[in-house]
Amino acid sequence: MPIIKSAKKRVKVANKAAIRNSKTKRSLKGAIKAFGKALTATDKKEAVKALDKVQSELDKAAKKNVMHKNKVARKKAQAAKAAKAAAGVTKTAAPKAEKPAAAKKPVAKKAPTKKATAPKAAATKKPAAAKKPAAKKTTK
């Protein structure tokens, strides 16, 4: 047991943090288990809810520094991939395969050369008089 007053306080604070972290970890583990069961079930709505819950719990763990943000991102991607592979479950209503082909073509265009963009930049400059008004000041 510590003798110094500040060390005694650190023990108390560390115990509180350990309890808080264990609660976060426990809720995360429960959400992951429920997600695993939902994947085996045939109900897509249940799987989507479970996926949302897992991603929410992972975000909470990252926010509270229980898990590293990169690990959380990796786990979220793995959960989404597992959901998609299991039953085609996605958070959006329309799958990617149903998007029209015309929407993909503008993305694939090559960027114009510098010679072509330089005259356009000078022509598209706004006049100096078109400035935004200053934001209103609030009083306390």
N, C-alpha and C. Protein backbone atom coordinates (compact mmCIF):
# COMPACT_ATOMS: atom_id res chain seq x y z
N MET A 1 0.84 -1.18 0.00
CA MET A 1 0.00 0.00 0.00
C MET A 1 0.89 1.25 0.00
N PRO A 2 0.55 2.24 -0.80
CA PRO A 2 1.38 3.44 -0.85
C PRO A 2 1.29 4.26 0.44
N ILE A 3 2.32 5.00 0.71
CA ILE A 3 2.38 5.83 1.91
C ILE A 3 2.09 7.29 1.57
N ILE A 4 2.61 7.75 0.44
CA ILE A 4 2.46 9.15 0.05
C ILE A 4 1.02 9.41 -0.39
N LYS A 5 0.53 10.61 -0.04
CA LYS A 5 -0.86 10.98 -0.29
C LYS A 5 -1.20 10.94 -1.79
N SER A 6 -0.33 11.47 -2.62
CA SER A 6 -0.60 11.50 -4.06
C SER A 6 -0.62 10.10 -4.65
N ALA A 7 0.23 9.21 -4.12
CA ALA A 7 0.24 7.83 -4.59
C ALA A 7 -1.04 7.11 -4.19
N LYS A 8 -1.56 7.42 -3.01
CA LYS A 8 -2.84 6.83 -2.56
C LYS A 8 -3.96 7.26 -3.50
N LYS A 9 -3.94 8.56 -3.87
CA LYS A 9 -4.96 9.07 -4.79
C LYS A 9 -4.85 8.39 -6.15
N ARG A 10 -3.65 8.18 -6.65
CA ARG A 10 -3.45 7.52 -7.94
C ARG A 10 -4.01 6.11 -7.93
N VAL A 11 -3.89 5.42 -6.80
CA VAL A 11 -4.45 4.07 -6.68
C VAL A 11 -5.96 4.12 -6.82
N LYS A 12 -6.60 5.09 -6.14
CA LYS A 12 -8.06 5.23 -6.21
C LYS A 12 -8.50 5.56 -7.64
N VAL A 13 -7.81 6.51 -8.27
CA VAL A 13 -8.17 6.93 -9.63
C VAL A 13 -7.96 5.78 -10.61
N ALA A 14 -6.88 5.04 -10.44
CA ALA A 14 -6.59 3.91 -11.33
C ALA A 14 -7.65 2.82 -11.20
N ASN A 15 -8.12 2.60 -9.97
CA ASN A 15 -9.18 1.60 -9.76
C ASN A 15 -10.48 2.02 -10.43
N LYS A 16 -10.82 3.30 -10.32
CA LYS A 16 -12.03 3.80 -10.98
C LYS A 16 -11.93 3.64 -12.50
N ALA A 17 -10.75 3.98 -13.04
CA ALA A 17 -10.55 3.87 -14.48
C ALA A 17 -10.61 2.42 -14.93
N ALA A 18 -10.06 1.52 -14.11
CA ALA A 18 -10.07 0.09 -14.47
C ALA A 18 -11.51 -0.43 -14.52
N ILE A 19 -12.32 0.00 -13.58
CA ILE A 19 -13.74 -0.42 -13.57
C ILE A 19 -14.45 0.13 -14.81
N ARG A 20 -14.22 1.40 -15.10
CA ARG A 20 -14.86 2.03 -16.27
C ARG A 20 -14.42 1.34 -17.55
N ASN A 21 -13.13 1.03 -17.68
CA ASN A 21 -12.62 0.37 -18.88
C ASN A 21 -13.16 -1.05 -19.01
N SER A 22 -13.29 -1.75 -17.89
CA SER A 22 -13.80 -3.13 -17.95
C SER A 22 -15.27 -3.14 -18.38
N LYS A 23 -16.04 -2.14 -17.97
CA LYS A 23 -17.44 -2.05 -18.41
C LYS A 23 -17.51 -1.83 -19.92
N THR A 24 -16.64 -0.97 -20.43
CA THR A 24 -16.62 -0.70 -21.87
C THR A 24 -16.23 -1.97 -22.64
N LYS A 25 -15.22 -2.66 -22.15
CA LYS A 25 -14.78 -3.89 -22.80
C LYS A 25 -15.86 -4.96 -22.76
N ARG A 26 -16.55 -5.08 -21.63
CA ARG A 26 -17.61 -6.08 -21.48
C ARG A 26 -18.75 -5.81 -22.45
N SER A 27 -19.17 -4.56 -22.58
CA SER A 27 -20.27 -4.24 -23.50
C SER A 27 -19.84 -4.48 -24.95
N LEU A 28 -18.57 -4.23 -25.24
CA LEU A 28 -18.04 -4.48 -26.59
C LEU A 28 -18.05 -5.98 -26.89
N LYS A 29 -17.60 -6.78 -25.94
CA LYS A 29 -17.59 -8.23 -26.14
C LYS A 29 -19.00 -8.77 -26.34
N GLY A 30 -19.95 -8.24 -25.57
CA GLY A 30 -21.34 -8.67 -25.72
C GLY A 30 -21.90 -8.32 -27.09
N ALA A 31 -21.56 -7.13 -27.57
CA ALA A 31 -22.03 -6.71 -28.89
C ALA A 31 -21.43 -7.58 -29.99
N ILE A 32 -20.15 -7.94 -29.83
CA ILE A 32 -19.49 -8.78 -30.83
C ILE A 32 -20.11 -10.18 -30.85
N LYS A 33 -20.42 -10.72 -29.69
CA LYS A 33 -21.05 -12.04 -29.61
C LYS A 33 -22.44 -12.02 -30.24
N ALA A 34 -23.21 -10.96 -29.95
CA ALA A 34 -24.55 -10.84 -30.53
C ALA A 34 -24.46 -10.70 -32.05
N PHE A 35 -23.43 -10.01 -32.52
CA PHE A 35 -23.23 -9.85 -33.96
C PHE A 35 -22.92 -11.19 -34.61
N GLY A 36 -22.11 -11.99 -33.95
CA GLY A 36 -21.79 -13.32 -34.47
C GLY A 36 -23.02 -14.20 -34.59
N LYS A 37 -23.90 -14.13 -33.58
CA LYS A 37 -25.14 -14.90 -33.62
C LYS A 37 -26.08 -14.38 -34.70
N ALA A 38 -26.10 -13.05 -34.88
CA ALA A 38 -26.98 -12.45 -35.88
C ALA A 38 -26.54 -12.81 -37.30
N LEU A 39 -25.25 -13.03 -37.48
CA LEU A 39 -24.76 -13.40 -38.81
C LEU A 39 -25.26 -14.78 -39.21
N THR A 40 -25.36 -15.69 -38.24
CA THR A 40 -25.83 -17.03 -38.54
C THR A 40 -27.33 -17.07 -38.74
N ALA A 41 -28.05 -16.11 -38.17
CA ALA A 41 -29.51 -16.03 -38.34
C ALA A 41 -29.83 -15.55 -39.76
N THR A 42 -31.05 -15.79 -40.19
CA THR A 42 -31.44 -15.41 -41.54
C THR A 42 -32.04 -14.01 -41.60
N ASP A 43 -32.32 -13.40 -40.47
CA ASP A 43 -32.95 -12.08 -40.43
C ASP A 43 -31.92 -10.99 -40.71
N LYS A 44 -32.07 -10.30 -41.83
CA LYS A 44 -31.11 -9.26 -42.21
C LYS A 44 -31.23 -8.03 -41.32
N LYS A 45 -32.43 -7.69 -40.89
CA LYS A 45 -32.62 -6.51 -40.04
C LYS A 45 -31.88 -6.68 -38.71
N GLU A 46 -31.94 -7.88 -38.19
CA GLU A 46 -31.25 -8.16 -36.93
C GLU A 46 -29.73 -8.05 -37.11
N ALA A 47 -29.24 -8.51 -38.24
CA ALA A 47 -27.80 -8.43 -38.52
C ALA A 47 -27.35 -6.99 -38.68
N VAL A 48 -28.19 -6.16 -39.32
CA VAL A 48 -27.86 -4.75 -39.49
C VAL A 48 -27.82 -4.05 -38.13
N LYS A 49 -28.80 -4.36 -37.28
CA LYS A 49 -28.82 -3.77 -35.94
C LYS A 49 -27.58 -4.18 -35.15
N ALA A 50 -27.22 -5.45 -35.26
CA ALA A 50 -26.05 -5.95 -34.54
C ALA A 50 -24.78 -5.30 -35.07
N LEU A 51 -24.69 -5.10 -36.38
CA LEU A 51 -23.53 -4.43 -36.97
C LEU A 51 -23.43 -2.99 -36.47
N ASP A 52 -24.56 -2.30 -36.43
CA ASP A 52 -24.58 -0.93 -35.92
C ASP A 52 -24.13 -0.88 -34.46
N LYS A 53 -24.60 -1.83 -33.68
CA LYS A 53 -24.24 -1.88 -32.25
C LYS A 53 -22.74 -2.13 -32.08
N VAL A 54 -22.18 -3.04 -32.86
CA VAL A 54 -20.75 -3.34 -32.77
C VAL A 54 -19.94 -2.10 -33.14
N GLN A 55 -20.31 -1.44 -34.22
CA GLN A 55 -19.56 -0.26 -34.64
C GLN A 55 -19.69 0.87 -33.63
N SER A 56 -20.86 1.00 -33.02
CA SER A 56 -21.06 2.01 -31.99
C SER A 56 -20.19 1.73 -30.77
N GLU A 57 -20.17 0.48 -30.33
CA GLU A 57 -19.36 0.11 -29.16
C GLU A 57 -17.87 0.28 -29.46
N LEU A 58 -17.45 -0.04 -30.68
CA LEU A 58 -16.05 0.16 -31.05
C LEU A 58 -15.68 1.64 -31.03
N ASP A 59 -16.59 2.49 -31.51
CA ASP A 59 -16.34 3.93 -31.48
C ASP A 59 -16.22 4.44 -30.05
N LYS A 60 -17.07 3.92 -29.16
CA LYS A 60 -17.00 4.31 -27.75
C LYS A 60 -15.68 3.89 -27.14
N ALA A 61 -15.22 2.70 -27.47
CA ALA A 61 -13.95 2.21 -26.94
C ALA A 61 -12.79 3.09 -27.42
N ALA A 62 -12.86 3.55 -28.66
CA ALA A 62 -11.81 4.42 -29.19
C ALA A 62 -11.87 5.79 -28.51
N LYS A 63 -13.07 6.28 -28.30
CA LYS A 63 -13.24 7.59 -27.68
C LYS A 63 -12.71 7.61 -26.25
N LYS A 64 -12.90 6.51 -25.54
CA LYS A 64 -12.45 6.41 -24.15
C LYS A 64 -11.02 5.91 -24.02
N ASN A 65 -10.33 5.75 -25.14
CA ASN A 65 -8.95 5.27 -25.18
C ASN A 65 -8.79 3.88 -24.57
N VAL A 66 -9.81 3.06 -24.67
CA VAL A 66 -9.71 1.68 -24.24
C VAL A 66 -9.01 0.87 -25.32
N MET A 67 -9.29 1.21 -26.58
CA MET A 67 -8.64 0.58 -27.73
C MET A 67 -8.05 1.69 -28.60
N HIS A 68 -6.98 1.34 -29.32
CA HIS A 68 -6.35 2.29 -30.22
C HIS A 68 -7.26 2.54 -31.42
N LYS A 69 -7.25 3.75 -31.93
CA LYS A 69 -8.16 4.13 -33.02
C LYS A 69 -7.92 3.30 -34.28
N ASN A 70 -6.68 2.92 -34.55
CA ASN A 70 -6.41 2.11 -35.74
C ASN A 70 -6.94 0.69 -35.58
N LYS A 71 -6.86 0.16 -34.38
CA LYS A 71 -7.40 -1.17 -34.11
C LYS A 71 -8.92 -1.14 -34.25
N VAL A 72 -9.53 -0.06 -33.78
CA VAL A 72 -10.98 0.08 -33.90
C VAL A 72 -11.38 0.14 -35.36
N ALA A 73 -10.65 0.89 -36.16
CA ALA A 73 -10.95 0.99 -37.59
C ALA A 73 -10.83 -0.37 -38.26
N ARG A 74 -9.81 -1.12 -37.88
CA ARG A 74 -9.61 -2.46 -38.45
C ARG A 74 -10.75 -3.39 -38.06
N LYS A 75 -11.17 -3.35 -36.79
CA LYS A 75 -12.26 -4.21 -36.32
C LYS A 75 -13.58 -3.86 -36.99
N LYS A 76 -13.82 -2.57 -37.19
CA LYS A 76 -15.05 -2.15 -37.86
C LYS A 76 -15.07 -2.65 -39.30
N ALA A 77 -13.94 -2.56 -39.98
CA ALA A 77 -13.86 -3.04 -41.35
C ALA A 77 -14.06 -4.54 -41.42
N GLN A 78 -13.50 -5.27 -40.46
CA GLN A 78 -13.66 -6.72 -40.42
C GLN A 78 -15.12 -7.10 -40.19
N ALA A 79 -15.79 -6.36 -39.31
CA ALA A 79 -17.20 -6.65 -39.02
C ALA A 79 -18.07 -6.39 -40.25
N ALA A 80 -17.80 -5.29 -40.94
CA ALA A 80 -18.57 -4.97 -42.15
C ALA A 80 -18.33 -6.01 -43.24
N LYS A 81 -17.10 -6.43 -43.36
CA LYS A 81 -16.76 -7.44 -44.36
C LYS A 81 -17.44 -8.76 -44.05
N ALA A 82 -17.47 -9.14 -42.77
CA ALA A 82 -18.11 -10.38 -42.36
C ALA A 82 -19.62 -10.33 -42.62
N ALA A 83 -20.22 -9.18 -42.34
CA ALA A 83 -21.65 -9.02 -42.56
C ALA A 83 -21.98 -9.10 -44.04
N LYS A 84 -21.15 -8.48 -44.85
CA LYS A 84 -21.38 -8.48 -46.29
C LYS A 84 -21.23 -9.89 -46.86
N ALA A 85 -20.23 -10.62 -46.38
CA ALA A 85 -19.99 -11.98 -46.87
C ALA A 85 -21.07 -12.94 -46.42
N ALA A 86 -21.59 -12.74 -45.22
CA ALA A 86 -22.57 -13.68 -44.67
C ALA A 86 -23.91 -13.61 -45.39
N ALA A 87 -24.43 -12.43 -45.56
CA ALA A 87 -25.78 -12.34 -46.14
C ALA A 87 -25.98 -11.13 -47.02
N GLY A 88 -24.93 -10.51 -47.46
CA GLY A 88 -25.08 -9.33 -48.29
C GLY A 88 -25.64 -8.16 -47.50
N VAL A 89 -25.38 -8.13 -46.21
CA VAL A 89 -25.91 -7.08 -45.35
C VAL A 89 -25.00 -5.86 -45.45
N THR A 90 -25.61 -4.72 -45.77
CA THR A 90 -24.87 -3.46 -45.78
C THR A 90 -25.71 -2.42 -45.08
N LYS A 91 -25.07 -1.35 -44.62
CA LYS A 91 -25.79 -0.30 -43.93
C LYS A 91 -26.63 0.53 -44.90
N THR A 92 -26.20 0.67 -46.15
CA THR A 92 -26.95 1.44 -47.13
C THR A 92 -28.02 0.55 -47.76
N ALA A 93 -29.04 1.19 -48.30
CA ALA A 93 -30.16 0.43 -48.87
C ALA A 93 -29.79 -0.21 -50.21
N ALA A 94 -29.05 0.51 -51.04
CA ALA A 94 -28.72 0.01 -52.37
C ALA A 94 -27.30 -0.55 -52.42
N PRO A 95 -27.13 -1.76 -52.90
CA PRO A 95 -25.78 -2.31 -53.05
C PRO A 95 -24.99 -1.57 -54.12
N LYS A 96 -23.67 -1.71 -54.10
CA LYS A 96 -22.82 -1.00 -55.05
C LYS A 96 -23.03 -1.47 -56.48
N ALA A 97 -23.42 -2.72 -56.68
CA ALA A 97 -23.56 -3.27 -58.02
C ALA A 97 -24.71 -2.61 -58.79
N GLU A 98 -25.68 -2.02 -58.09
CA GLU A 98 -26.83 -1.44 -58.75
C GLU A 98 -26.62 0.00 -59.19
N LYS A 99 -25.46 0.58 -58.92
CA LYS A 99 -25.21 1.95 -59.35
C LYS A 99 -25.09 2.00 -60.87
N PRO A 100 -25.58 3.06 -61.50
CA PRO A 100 -25.48 3.15 -62.96
C PRO A 100 -24.02 3.28 -63.40
N ALA A 101 -23.74 2.76 -64.59
CA ALA A 101 -22.37 2.78 -65.12
C ALA A 101 -21.95 4.19 -65.50
N ALA A 102 -22.91 5.06 -65.80
CA ALA A 102 -22.59 6.42 -66.21
C ALA A 102 -21.95 7.21 -65.07
N ALA A 103 -22.27 6.87 -63.84
CA ALA A 103 -21.72 7.60 -62.71
C ALA A 103 -20.24 7.30 -62.51
N LYS A 104 -19.76 6.18 -63.00
CA LYS A 104 -18.37 5.81 -62.81
C LYS A 104 -17.44 6.47 -63.83
N LYS A 105 -17.94 6.82 -65.01
CA LYS A 105 -17.09 7.35 -66.06
C LYS A 105 -16.41 8.67 -65.70
N PRO A 106 -17.08 9.67 -65.10
CA PRO A 106 -16.40 10.92 -64.78
C PRO A 106 -15.24 10.72 -63.80
N VAL A 107 -15.31 9.73 -62.96
CA VAL A 107 -14.25 9.48 -62.00
C VAL A 107 -12.99 9.00 -62.71
N ALA A 108 -13.15 8.24 -63.79
CA ALA A 108 -12.03 7.65 -64.49
C ALA A 108 -11.32 8.62 -65.44
N LYS A 109 -11.83 9.83 -65.62
CA LYS A 109 -11.22 10.78 -66.54
C LYS A 109 -9.85 11.20 -66.04
N LYS A 110 -8.96 11.47 -66.99
CA LYS A 110 -7.63 11.94 -66.64
C LYS A 110 -7.70 13.43 -66.30
N ALA A 111 -6.82 13.86 -65.43
CA ALA A 111 -6.76 15.27 -65.06
C ALA A 111 -6.17 16.07 -66.22
N PRO A 112 -6.69 17.25 -66.50
CA PRO A 112 -6.15 18.06 -67.58
C PRO A 112 -4.73 18.54 -67.24
N THR A 113 -3.99 18.88 -68.26
CA THR A 113 -2.61 19.33 -68.07
C THR A 113 -2.59 20.72 -67.46
N LYS A 114 -1.42 21.14 -67.00
CA LYS A 114 -1.28 22.45 -66.36
C LYS A 114 -1.54 23.58 -67.35
N LYS A 115 -1.18 23.38 -68.60
CA LYS A 115 -1.38 24.43 -69.60
C LYS A 115 -2.86 24.74 -69.78
N ALA A 116 -3.71 23.71 -69.71
CA ALA A 116 -5.14 23.92 -69.90
C ALA A 116 -5.77 24.54 -68.67
N THR A 117 -5.27 24.25 -67.48
CA THR A 117 -5.91 24.75 -66.26
C THR A 117 -5.48 26.17 -65.92
N ALA A 118 -4.31 26.61 -66.34
CA ALA A 118 -3.83 27.95 -65.98
C ALA A 118 -4.74 29.06 -66.51
N PRO A 119 -5.18 29.07 -67.76
CA PRO A 119 -6.08 30.14 -68.22
C PRO A 119 -7.44 30.08 -67.53
N LYS A 120 -7.93 28.89 -67.22
CA LYS A 120 -9.23 28.78 -66.56
C LYS A 120 -9.19 29.37 -65.17
N ALA A 121 -8.11 29.17 -64.44
CA ALA A 121 -7.99 29.68 -63.08
C ALA A 121 -8.07 31.20 -63.06
N ALA A 122 -7.45 31.85 -64.03
CA ALA A 122 -7.48 33.30 -64.10
C ALA A 122 -8.87 33.80 -64.49
N ALA A 123 -9.58 33.06 -65.33
CA ALA A 123 -10.90 33.47 -65.79
C ALA A 123 -11.97 33.26 -64.73
N THR A 124 -11.79 32.29 -63.84
CA THR A 124 -12.82 31.98 -62.85
C THR A 124 -12.63 32.70 -61.52
N LYS A 125 -11.70 33.64 -61.45
CA LYS A 125 -11.49 34.38 -60.20
C LYS A 125 -12.69 35.27 -59.92
N LYS A 126 -13.07 35.31 -58.66
CA LYS A 126 -14.19 36.16 -58.26
C LYS A 126 -13.70 37.59 -58.07
N PRO A 127 -14.57 38.56 -58.32
CA PRO A 127 -14.16 39.94 -58.07
C PRO A 127 -13.95 40.18 -56.57
N ALA A 128 -13.14 41.16 -56.24
CA ALA A 128 -12.78 41.44 -54.85
C ALA A 128 -13.98 41.94 -54.04
N ALA A 129 -15.01 42.49 -54.69
CA ALA A 129 -16.15 43.05 -53.98
C ALA A 129 -17.08 41.98 -53.43
N ALA A 130 -16.99 40.75 -53.86
CA ALA A 130 -17.92 39.70 -53.44
C ALA A 130 -17.40 38.97 -52.21
N LYS A 131 -17.18 39.70 -51.11
CA LYS A 131 -16.72 39.08 -49.87
C LYS A 131 -17.91 38.75 -48.99
N LYS A 132 -17.73 37.76 -48.12
CA LYS A 132 -18.78 37.38 -47.19
C LYS A 132 -18.86 38.40 -46.06
N PRO A 133 -20.06 38.65 -45.53
CA PRO A 133 -20.16 39.56 -44.38
C PRO A 133 -19.55 38.93 -43.14
N ALA A 134 -19.10 39.74 -42.24
CA ALA A 134 -18.49 39.27 -41.00
C ALA A 134 -19.53 38.57 -40.14
N ALA A 135 -19.10 37.58 -39.37
CA ALA A 135 -20.00 36.84 -38.49
C ALA A 135 -20.46 37.74 -37.35
N LYS A 136 -21.70 37.49 -36.89
CA LYS A 136 -22.24 38.27 -35.80
C LYS A 136 -21.56 37.90 -34.49
N LYS A 137 -21.33 38.90 -33.67
CA LYS A 137 -20.72 38.66 -32.37
C LYS A 137 -21.80 38.35 -31.36
N THR A 138 -21.51 37.38 -30.50
CA THR A 138 -22.46 37.02 -29.44
C THR A 138 -21.94 37.55 -28.11
N THR A 139 -22.84 37.98 -27.29
CA THR A 139 -22.46 38.48 -25.97
C THR A 139 -22.82 37.45 -24.92
N LYS A 140 -22.03 37.42 -23.87
CA LYS A 140 -22.26 36.45 -22.79
C LYS A 140 -23.04 37.06 -21.65
